[in-house]
Amino acid sequence: PEAAISVFPASIEGNTILVNWIVNWDDIR
């Protein structure tokens, strides 16, 4: 499901944005 994927910003440098992501659903970690 869409809600299984969580994203949040890590860093921004100019036009580049690093995004951290986590999937923690059933057996997927």
Full PDB file with SEQRES, HELIX, SHEET, SSBOND, CRYST1, ORIGX, SCALE, CONECT and MASTER records, all heavy atoms in Angstrom:
SEQRES   1 A   29  PRO GLU ALA ALA ILE SER VAL PHE PRO ALA SER ILE GLU          
SEQRES   2 A   29  GLY ASN THR ILE LEU VAL ASN TRP ILE VAL ASN TRP ASP          
SEQRES   3 A   29  ASP ILE ARG                                                  
HELIX    1 AA1 GLU A    2  ALA A    4  5                                   3    
SHEET    1 AA1 2 ILE A   5  GLU A  13  0                                        
SHEET    2 AA1 2 THR A  16  VAL A  23 -1                                        
CRYST1    1.000    1.000    1.000  90.00  90.00  90.00 P 1           1          
ORIGX1      1.000000  0.000000  0.000000        0.00000                         
ORIGX2      0.000000  1.000000  0.000000        0.00000                         
ORIGX3      0.000000  0.000000  1.000000        0.00000                         
SCALE1      1.000000  0.000000  0.000000        0.00000                         
SCALE2      0.000000  1.000000  0.000000        0.00000                         
SCALE3      0.000000  0.000000  1.000000        0.00000                         
ATOM      1  N   PRO A   1       0.844  -1.201   0.000  1.00  0.00           N  
ATOM      2  CA  PRO A   1       0.000   0.000   0.000  1.00  0.00           C  
ATOM      3  C   PRO A   1       0.882   1.254   0.000  1.00  0.00           C  
ATOM      4  O   PRO A   1       2.037   1.227   0.436  1.00  0.00           O  
ATOM      5  CB  PRO A   1      -0.801  -0.107   1.300  1.00  0.00           C  
ATOM      6  CG  PRO A   1      -0.052  -1.062   2.143  1.00  0.00           C  
ATOM      7  CD  PRO A   1       0.726  -1.957   1.235  1.00  0.00           C  
ATOM      8  N   GLU A   2       0.328   2.339  -0.474  1.00  0.00           N  
ATOM      9  CA  GLU A   2       1.068   3.593  -0.568  1.00  0.00           C  
ATOM     10  C   GLU A   2       1.645   4.016   0.785  1.00  0.00           C  
ATOM     11  O   GLU A   2       2.746   4.551   0.870  1.00  0.00           O  
ATOM     12  CB  GLU A   2       0.132   4.670  -1.109  1.00  0.00           C  
ATOM     13  CG  GLU A   2       0.809   5.937  -1.469  1.00  0.00           C  
ATOM     14  CD  GLU A   2      -0.123   6.901  -2.181  1.00  0.00           C  
ATOM     15  OE1 GLU A   2      -1.285   6.572  -2.437  1.00  0.00           O  
ATOM     16  OE2 GLU A   2       0.336   8.009  -2.465  1.00  0.00           O  
ATOM     17  N   ALA A   3       0.918   3.765   1.851  1.00  0.00           N  
ATOM     18  CA  ALA A   3       1.339   4.182   3.191  1.00  0.00           C  
ATOM     19  C   ALA A   3       2.532   3.387   3.721  1.00  0.00           C  
ATOM     20  O   ALA A   3       3.103   3.749   4.750  1.00  0.00           O  
ATOM     21  CB  ALA A   3       0.169   4.055   4.162  1.00  0.00           C  
ATOM     22  N   ALA A   4       2.933   2.331   3.045  1.00  0.00           N  
ATOM     23  CA  ALA A   4       4.058   1.518   3.513  1.00  0.00           C  
ATOM     24  C   ALA A   4       5.395   2.218   3.320  1.00  0.00           C  
ATOM     25  O   ALA A   4       6.384   1.858   3.945  1.00  0.00           O  
ATOM     26  CB  ALA A   4       4.065   0.177   2.790  1.00  0.00           C  
ATOM     27  N   ILE A   5       5.434   3.227   2.473  1.00  0.00           N  
ATOM     28  CA  ILE A   5       6.684   3.922   2.154  1.00  0.00           C  
ATOM     29  C   ILE A   5       6.691   5.287   2.825  1.00  0.00           C  
ATOM     30  O   ILE A   5       5.838   6.124   2.562  1.00  0.00           O  
ATOM     31  CB  ILE A   5       6.835   4.084   0.627  1.00  0.00           C  
ATOM     32  CG1 ILE A   5       6.823   2.713  -0.050  1.00  0.00           C  
ATOM     33  CG2 ILE A   5       8.114   4.846   0.300  1.00  0.00           C  
ATOM     34  CD1 ILE A   5       6.691   2.774  -1.552  1.00  0.00           C  
ATOM     35  N   SER A   6       7.670   5.493   3.693  1.00  0.00           N  
ATOM     36  CA  SER A   6       7.829   6.785   4.375  1.00  0.00           C  
ATOM     37  C   SER A   6       9.060   7.485   3.822  1.00  0.00           C  
ATOM     38  O   SER A   6      10.107   6.863   3.644  1.00  0.00           O  
ATOM     39  CB  SER A   6       8.005   6.583   5.884  1.00  0.00           C  
ATOM     40  OG  SER A   6       6.869   5.981   6.437  1.00  0.00           O  
ATOM     41  N   VAL A   7       8.933   8.770   3.551  1.00  0.00           N  
ATOM     42  CA  VAL A   7      10.049   9.561   3.029  1.00  0.00           C  
ATOM     43  C   VAL A   7      10.216  10.830   3.860  1.00  0.00           C  
ATOM     44  O   VAL A   7       9.246  11.370   4.386  1.00  0.00           O  
ATOM     45  CB  VAL A   7       9.832   9.933   1.542  1.00  0.00           C  
ATOM     46  CG1 VAL A   7       9.902   8.716   0.656  1.00  0.00           C  
ATOM     47  CG2 VAL A   7       8.516  10.659   1.325  1.00  0.00           C  
ATOM     48  N   PHE A   8      11.455  11.269   3.993  1.00  0.00           N  
ATOM     49  CA  PHE A   8      11.730  12.515   4.705  1.00  0.00           C  
ATOM     50  C   PHE A   8      13.051  13.089   4.209  1.00  0.00           C  
ATOM     51  O   PHE A   8      13.939  12.338   3.805  1.00  0.00           O  
ATOM     52  CB  PHE A   8      11.719  12.318   6.227  1.00  0.00           C  
ATOM     53  CG  PHE A   8      12.548  11.169   6.711  1.00  0.00           C  
ATOM     54  CD1 PHE A   8      13.827  11.366   7.179  1.00  0.00           C  
ATOM     55  CD2 PHE A   8      12.039   9.875   6.704  1.00  0.00           C  
ATOM     56  CE1 PHE A   8      14.594  10.310   7.630  1.00  0.00           C  
ATOM     57  CE2 PHE A   8      12.796   8.813   7.153  1.00  0.00           C  
ATOM     58  CZ  PHE A   8      14.084   9.026   7.613  1.00  0.00           C  
ATOM     59  N   PRO A   9      13.177  14.410   4.186  1.00  0.00           N  
ATOM     60  CA  PRO A   9      14.373  15.029   3.614  1.00  0.00           C  
ATOM     61  C   PRO A   9      15.612  14.776   4.460  1.00  0.00           C  
ATOM     62  O   PRO A   9      15.554  14.745   5.686  1.00  0.00           O  
ATOM     63  CB  PRO A   9      14.026  16.514   3.585  1.00  0.00           C  
ATOM     64  CG  PRO A   9      12.951  16.694   4.585  1.00  0.00           C  
ATOM     65  CD  PRO A   9      12.218  15.396   4.673  1.00  0.00           C  
ATOM     66  N   ALA A  10      16.733  14.576   3.768  1.00  0.00           N  
ATOM     67  CA  ALA A  10      18.009  14.374   4.446  1.00  0.00           C  
ATOM     68  C   ALA A  10      18.884  15.613   4.309  1.00  0.00           C  
ATOM     69  O   ALA A  10      19.319  16.175   5.301  1.00  0.00           O  
ATOM     70  CB  ALA A  10      18.728  13.155   3.880  1.00  0.00           C  
ATOM     71  N   SER A  11      19.117  16.054   3.072  1.00  0.00           N  
ATOM     72  CA  SER A  11      19.945  17.243   2.869  1.00  0.00           C  
ATOM     73  C   SER A  11      19.618  17.880   1.525  1.00  0.00           C  
ATOM     74  O   SER A  11      19.098  17.233   0.621  1.00  0.00           O  
ATOM     75  CB  SER A  11      21.432  16.894   2.934  1.00  0.00           C  
ATOM     76  OG  SER A  11      21.786  16.053   1.861  1.00  0.00           O  
ATOM     77  N   ILE A  12      19.950  19.151   1.430  1.00  0.00           N  
ATOM     78  CA  ILE A  12      19.727  19.914   0.203  1.00  0.00           C  
ATOM     79  C   ILE A  12      21.028  20.629  -0.140  1.00  0.00           C  
ATOM     80  O   ILE A  12      21.625  21.287   0.711  1.00  0.00           O  
ATOM     81  CB  ILE A  12      18.599  20.952   0.389  1.00  0.00           C  
ATOM     82  CG1 ILE A  12      17.293  20.268   0.764  1.00  0.00           C  
ATOM     83  CG2 ILE A  12      18.440  21.795  -0.869  1.00  0.00           C  
ATOM     84  CD1 ILE A  12      16.185  21.222   1.167  1.00  0.00           C  
ATOM     85  N   GLU A  13      21.452  20.469  -1.388  1.00  0.00           N  
ATOM     86  CA  GLU A  13      22.641  21.174  -1.862  1.00  0.00           C  
ATOM     87  C   GLU A  13      22.372  21.627  -3.287  1.00  0.00           C  
ATOM     88  O   GLU A  13      22.380  20.815  -4.220  1.00  0.00           O  
ATOM     89  CB  GLU A  13      23.874  20.267  -1.802  1.00  0.00           C  
ATOM     90  CG  GLU A  13      25.152  20.998  -2.141  1.00  0.00           C  
ATOM     91  CD  GLU A  13      26.371  20.111  -1.960  1.00  0.00           C  
ATOM     92  OE1 GLU A  13      26.392  19.301  -1.025  1.00  0.00           O  
ATOM     93  OE2 GLU A  13      27.289  20.252  -2.781  1.00  0.00           O  
ATOM     94  N   GLY A  14      22.069  22.883  -3.438  1.00  0.00           N  
ATOM     95  CA  GLY A  14      21.729  23.413  -4.754  1.00  0.00           C  
ATOM     96  C   GLY A  14      20.448  22.782  -5.280  1.00  0.00           C  
ATOM     97  O   GLY A  14      19.417  22.825  -4.621  1.00  0.00           O  
ATOM     98  N   ASN A  15      20.521  22.176  -6.465  1.00  0.00           N  
ATOM     99  CA  ASN A  15      19.358  21.516  -7.069  1.00  0.00           C  
ATOM    100  C   ASN A  15      19.242  20.054  -6.684  1.00  0.00           C  
ATOM    101  O   ASN A  15      18.389  19.338  -7.211  1.00  0.00           O  
ATOM    102  CB  ASN A  15      19.436  21.629  -8.599  1.00  0.00           C  
ATOM    103  CG  ASN A  15      19.265  23.045  -9.066  1.00  0.00           C  
ATOM    104  OD1 ASN A  15      18.478  23.799  -8.503  1.00  0.00           O  
ATOM    105  ND2 ASN A  15      20.007  23.429 -10.096  1.00  0.00           N  
ATOM    106  N   THR A  16      20.122  19.582  -5.798  1.00  0.00           N  
ATOM    107  CA  THR A  16      20.127  18.176  -5.398  1.00  0.00           C  
ATOM    108  C   THR A  16      19.557  18.037  -3.996  1.00  0.00           C  
ATOM    109  O   THR A  16      20.017  18.683  -3.057  1.00  0.00           O  
ATOM    110  CB  THR A  16      21.564  17.611  -5.426  1.00  0.00           C  
ATOM    111  OG1 THR A  16      22.090  17.779  -6.735  1.00  0.00           O  
ATOM    112  CG2 THR A  16      21.586  16.148  -5.042  1.00  0.00           C  
ATOM    113  N   ILE A  17      18.554  17.182  -3.880  1.00  0.00           N  
ATOM    114  CA  ILE A  17      17.929  16.918  -2.583  1.00  0.00           C  
ATOM    115  C   ILE A  17      18.047  15.428  -2.300  1.00  0.00           C  
ATOM    116  O   ILE A  17      17.627  14.603  -3.123  1.00  0.00           O  
ATOM    117  CB  ILE A  17      16.449  17.355  -2.572  1.00  0.00           C  
ATOM    118  CG1 ILE A  17      16.341  18.859  -2.866  1.00  0.00           C  
ATOM    119  CG2 ILE A  17      15.795  16.998  -1.238  1.00  0.00           C  
ATOM    120  CD1 ILE A  17      14.917  19.362  -3.020  1.00  0.00           C  
ATOM    121  N   LEU A  18      18.654  15.090  -1.175  1.00  0.00           N  
ATOM    122  CA  LEU A  18      18.707  13.697  -0.738  1.00  0.00           C  
ATOM    123  C   LEU A  18      17.489  13.420   0.125  1.00  0.00           C  
ATOM    124  O   LEU A  18      17.180  14.193   1.034  1.00  0.00           O  
ATOM    125  CB  LEU A  18      19.979  13.412   0.056  1.00  0.00           C  
ATOM    126  CG  LEU A  18      21.275  13.411  -0.736  1.00  0.00           C  
ATOM    127  CD1 LEU A  18      22.455  13.134   0.193  1.00  0.00           C  
ATOM    128  CD2 LEU A  18      21.233  12.375  -1.841  1.00  0.00           C  
ATOM    129  N   VAL A  19      16.811  12.330  -0.170  1.00  0.00           N  
ATOM    130  CA  VAL A  19      15.600  11.946   0.545  1.00  0.00           C  
ATOM    131  C   VAL A  19      15.836  10.593   1.189  1.00  0.00           C  
ATOM    132  O   VAL A  19      16.220   9.628   0.508  1.00  0.00           O  
ATOM    133  CB  VAL A  19      14.395  11.871  -0.423  1.00  0.00           C  
ATOM    134  CG1 VAL A  19      13.151  11.388   0.297  1.00  0.00           C  
ATOM    135  CG2 VAL A  19      14.150  13.215  -1.086  1.00  0.00           C  
ATOM    136  N   ASN A  20      15.647  10.503   2.489  1.00  0.00           N  
ATOM    137  CA  ASN A  20      15.696   9.211   3.179  1.00  0.00           C  
ATOM    138  C   ASN A  20      14.351   8.527   3.027  1.00  0.00           C  
ATOM    139  O   ASN A  20      13.308   9.185   3.033  1.00  0.00           O  
ATOM    140  CB  ASN A  20      15.988   9.401   4.673  1.00  0.00           C  
ATOM    141  CG  ASN A  20      17.379   9.897   4.929  1.00  0.00           C  
ATOM    142  OD1 ASN A  20      18.319   9.553   4.228  1.00  0.00           O  
ATOM    143  ND2 ASN A  20      17.538  10.727   5.937  1.00  0.00           N  
ATOM    144  N   TRP A  21      14.361   7.216   2.916  1.00  0.00           N  
ATOM    145  CA  TRP A  21      13.112   6.471   2.841  1.00  0.00           C  
ATOM    146  C   TRP A  21      13.193   5.217   3.700  1.00  0.00           C  
ATOM    147  O   TRP A  21      14.271   4.682   3.945  1.00  0.00           O  
ATOM    148  CB  TRP A  21      12.754   6.113   1.387  1.00  0.00           C  
ATOM    149  CG  TRP A  21      13.770   5.284   0.665  1.00  0.00           C  
ATOM    150  CD1 TRP A  21      14.776   5.750  -0.121  1.00  0.00           C  
ATOM    151  CD2 TRP A  21      13.877   3.861   0.666  1.00  0.00           C  
ATOM    152  NE1 TRP A  21      15.515   4.705  -0.620  1.00  0.00           N  
ATOM    153  CE2 TRP A  21      14.974   3.530  -0.155  1.00  0.00           C  
ATOM    154  CE3 TRP A  21      13.175   2.830   1.270  1.00  0.00           C  
ATOM    155  CZ2 TRP A  21      15.376   2.207  -0.378  1.00  0.00           C  
ATOM    156  CZ3 TRP A  21      13.570   1.515   1.043  1.00  0.00           C  
ATOM    157  CH2 TRP A  21      14.650   1.213   0.235  1.00  0.00           C  
ATOM    158  N   ILE A  22      12.036   4.800   4.168  1.00  0.00           N  
ATOM    159  CA  ILE A  22      11.907   3.596   4.996  1.00  0.00           C  
ATOM    160  C   ILE A  22      10.672   2.836   4.545  1.00  0.00           C  
ATOM    161  O   ILE A  22       9.621   3.436   4.319  1.00  0.00           O  
ATOM    162  CB  ILE A  22      11.755   3.952   6.490  1.00  0.00           C  
ATOM    163  CG1 ILE A  22      12.995   4.658   7.011  1.00  0.00           C  
ATOM    164  CG2 ILE A  22      11.456   2.706   7.320  1.00  0.00           C  
ATOM    165  CD1 ILE A  22      12.838   5.200   8.417  1.00  0.00           C  
ATOM    166  N   VAL A  23      10.815   1.532   4.415  1.00  0.00           N  
ATOM    167  CA  VAL A  23       9.670   0.656   4.179  1.00  0.00           C  
ATOM    168  C   VAL A  23       9.665  -0.357   5.310  1.00  0.00           C  
ATOM    169  O   VAL A  23      10.638  -1.087   5.514  1.00  0.00           O  
ATOM    170  CB  VAL A  23       9.754  -0.063   2.814  1.00  0.00           C  
ATOM    171  CG1 VAL A  23       8.603  -1.048   2.660  1.00  0.00           C  
ATOM    172  CG2 VAL A  23       9.753   0.946   1.686  1.00  0.00           C  
ATOM    173  N   ASN A  24       8.588  -0.366   6.065  1.00  0.00           N  
ATOM    174  CA  ASN A  24       8.445  -1.277   7.203  1.00  0.00           C  
ATOM    175  C   ASN A  24       7.021  -1.821   7.150  1.00  0.00           C  
ATOM    176  O   ASN A  24       6.105  -1.250   7.738  1.00  0.00           O  
ATOM    177  CB  ASN A  24       8.715  -0.522   8.506  1.00  0.00           C  
ATOM    178  CG  ASN A  24       8.745  -1.443   9.700  1.00  0.00           C  
ATOM    179  OD1 ASN A  24       8.541  -2.646   9.589  1.00  0.00           O  
ATOM    180  ND2 ASN A  24       8.996  -0.872  10.869  1.00  0.00           N  
ATOM    181  N   TRP A  25       6.852  -2.909   6.404  1.00  0.00           N  
ATOM    182  CA  TRP A  25       5.512  -3.447   6.184  1.00  0.00           C  
ATOM    183  C   TRP A  25       5.587  -4.965   6.120  1.00  0.00           C  
ATOM    184  O   TRP A  25       6.353  -5.505   5.322  1.00  0.00           O  
ATOM    185  CB  TRP A  25       4.945  -2.901   4.877  1.00  0.00           C  
ATOM    186  CG  TRP A  25       3.474  -3.043   4.762  1.00  0.00           C  
ATOM    187  CD1 TRP A  25       2.804  -4.073   4.171  1.00  0.00           C  
ATOM    188  CD2 TRP A  25       2.497  -2.155   5.252  1.00  0.00           C  
ATOM    189  NE1 TRP A  25       1.470  -3.869   4.263  1.00  0.00           N  
ATOM    190  CE2 TRP A  25       1.242  -2.691   4.921  1.00  0.00           C  
ATOM    191  CE3 TRP A  25       2.541  -0.948   5.938  1.00  0.00           C  
ATOM    192  CZ2 TRP A  25       0.051  -2.064   5.238  1.00  0.00           C  
ATOM    193  CZ3 TRP A  25       1.362  -0.323   6.247  1.00  0.00           C  
ATOM    194  CH2 TRP A  25       0.136  -0.877   5.911  1.00  0.00           C  
ATOM    195  N   ASP A  26       4.806  -5.632   6.917  1.00  0.00           N  
ATOM    196  CA  ASP A  26       4.806  -7.097   6.976  1.00  0.00           C  
ATOM    197  C   ASP A  26       6.237  -7.609   7.110  1.00  0.00           C  
ATOM    198  O   ASP A  26       6.914  -7.284   8.063  1.00  0.00           O  
ATOM    199  CB  ASP A  26       4.087  -7.711   5.773  1.00  0.00           C  
ATOM    200  CG  ASP A  26       2.590  -7.399   5.774  1.00  0.00           C  
ATOM    201  OD1 ASP A  26       2.037  -7.163   6.870  1.00  0.00           O  
ATOM    202  OD2 ASP A  26       1.995  -7.384   4.691  1.00  0.00           O  
ATOM    203  N   ASP A  27       6.723  -8.369   6.131  1.00  0.00           N  
ATOM    204  CA  ASP A  27       8.075  -8.943   6.204  1.00  0.00           C  
ATOM    205  C   ASP A  27       9.143  -8.047   5.583  1.00  0.00           C  
ATOM    206  O   ASP A  27      10.312  -8.399   5.587  1.00  0.00           O  
ATOM    207  CB  ASP A  27       8.106 -10.291   5.475  1.00  0.00           C  
ATOM    208  CG  ASP A  27       7.214 -11.323   6.141  1.00  0.00           C  
ATOM    209  OD1 ASP A  27       6.852 -11.115   7.319  1.00  0.00           O  
ATOM    210  OD2 ASP A  27       6.875 -12.321   5.486  1.00  0.00           O  
ATOM    211  N   ILE A  28       8.745  -6.927   5.036  1.00  0.00           N  
ATOM    212  CA  ILE A  28       9.702  -6.050   4.353  1.00  0.00           C  
ATOM    213  C   ILE A  28      10.198  -4.969   5.302  1.00  0.00           C  
ATOM    214  O   ILE A  28       9.423  -4.205   5.854  1.00  0.00           O  
ATOM    215  CB  ILE A  28       9.063  -5.407   3.108  1.00  0.00           C  
ATOM    216  CG1 ILE A  28       8.628  -6.499   2.129  1.00  0.00           C  
ATOM    217  CG2 ILE A  28      10.037  -4.441   2.445  1.00  0.00           C  
ATOM    218  CD1 ILE A  28       7.871  -5.976   0.942  1.00  0.00           C  
ATOM    219  N   ARG A  29      11.514  -4.937   5.508  1.00  0.00           N  
ATOM    220  CA  ARG A  29      12.162  -3.933   6.344  1.00  0.00           C  
ATOM    221  C   ARG A  29      13.370  -3.424   5.582  1.00  0.00           C  
ATOM    222  O   ARG A  29      14.414  -4.049   5.554  1.00  0.00           O  
ATOM    223  CB  ARG A  29      12.641  -4.516   7.675  1.00  0.00           C  
ATOM    224  CG  ARG A  29      11.624  -5.292   8.450  1.00  0.00           C  
ATOM    225  CD  ARG A  29      10.861  -4.392   9.407  1.00  0.00           C  
ATOM    226  NE  ARG A  29       9.967  -5.143  10.278  1.00  0.00           N  
ATOM    227  CZ  ARG A  29       8.763  -5.577   9.927  1.00  0.00           C  
ATOM    228  NH1 ARG A  29       8.322  -5.387   8.720  1.00  0.00           N  
ATOM    229  NH2 ARG A  29       7.988  -6.207  10.784  1.00  0.00           N  
TER     230      ARG A  29                                                      
MASTER        0    0    0    1    2    0    0    6  229    1    0    3          
END                                                                             
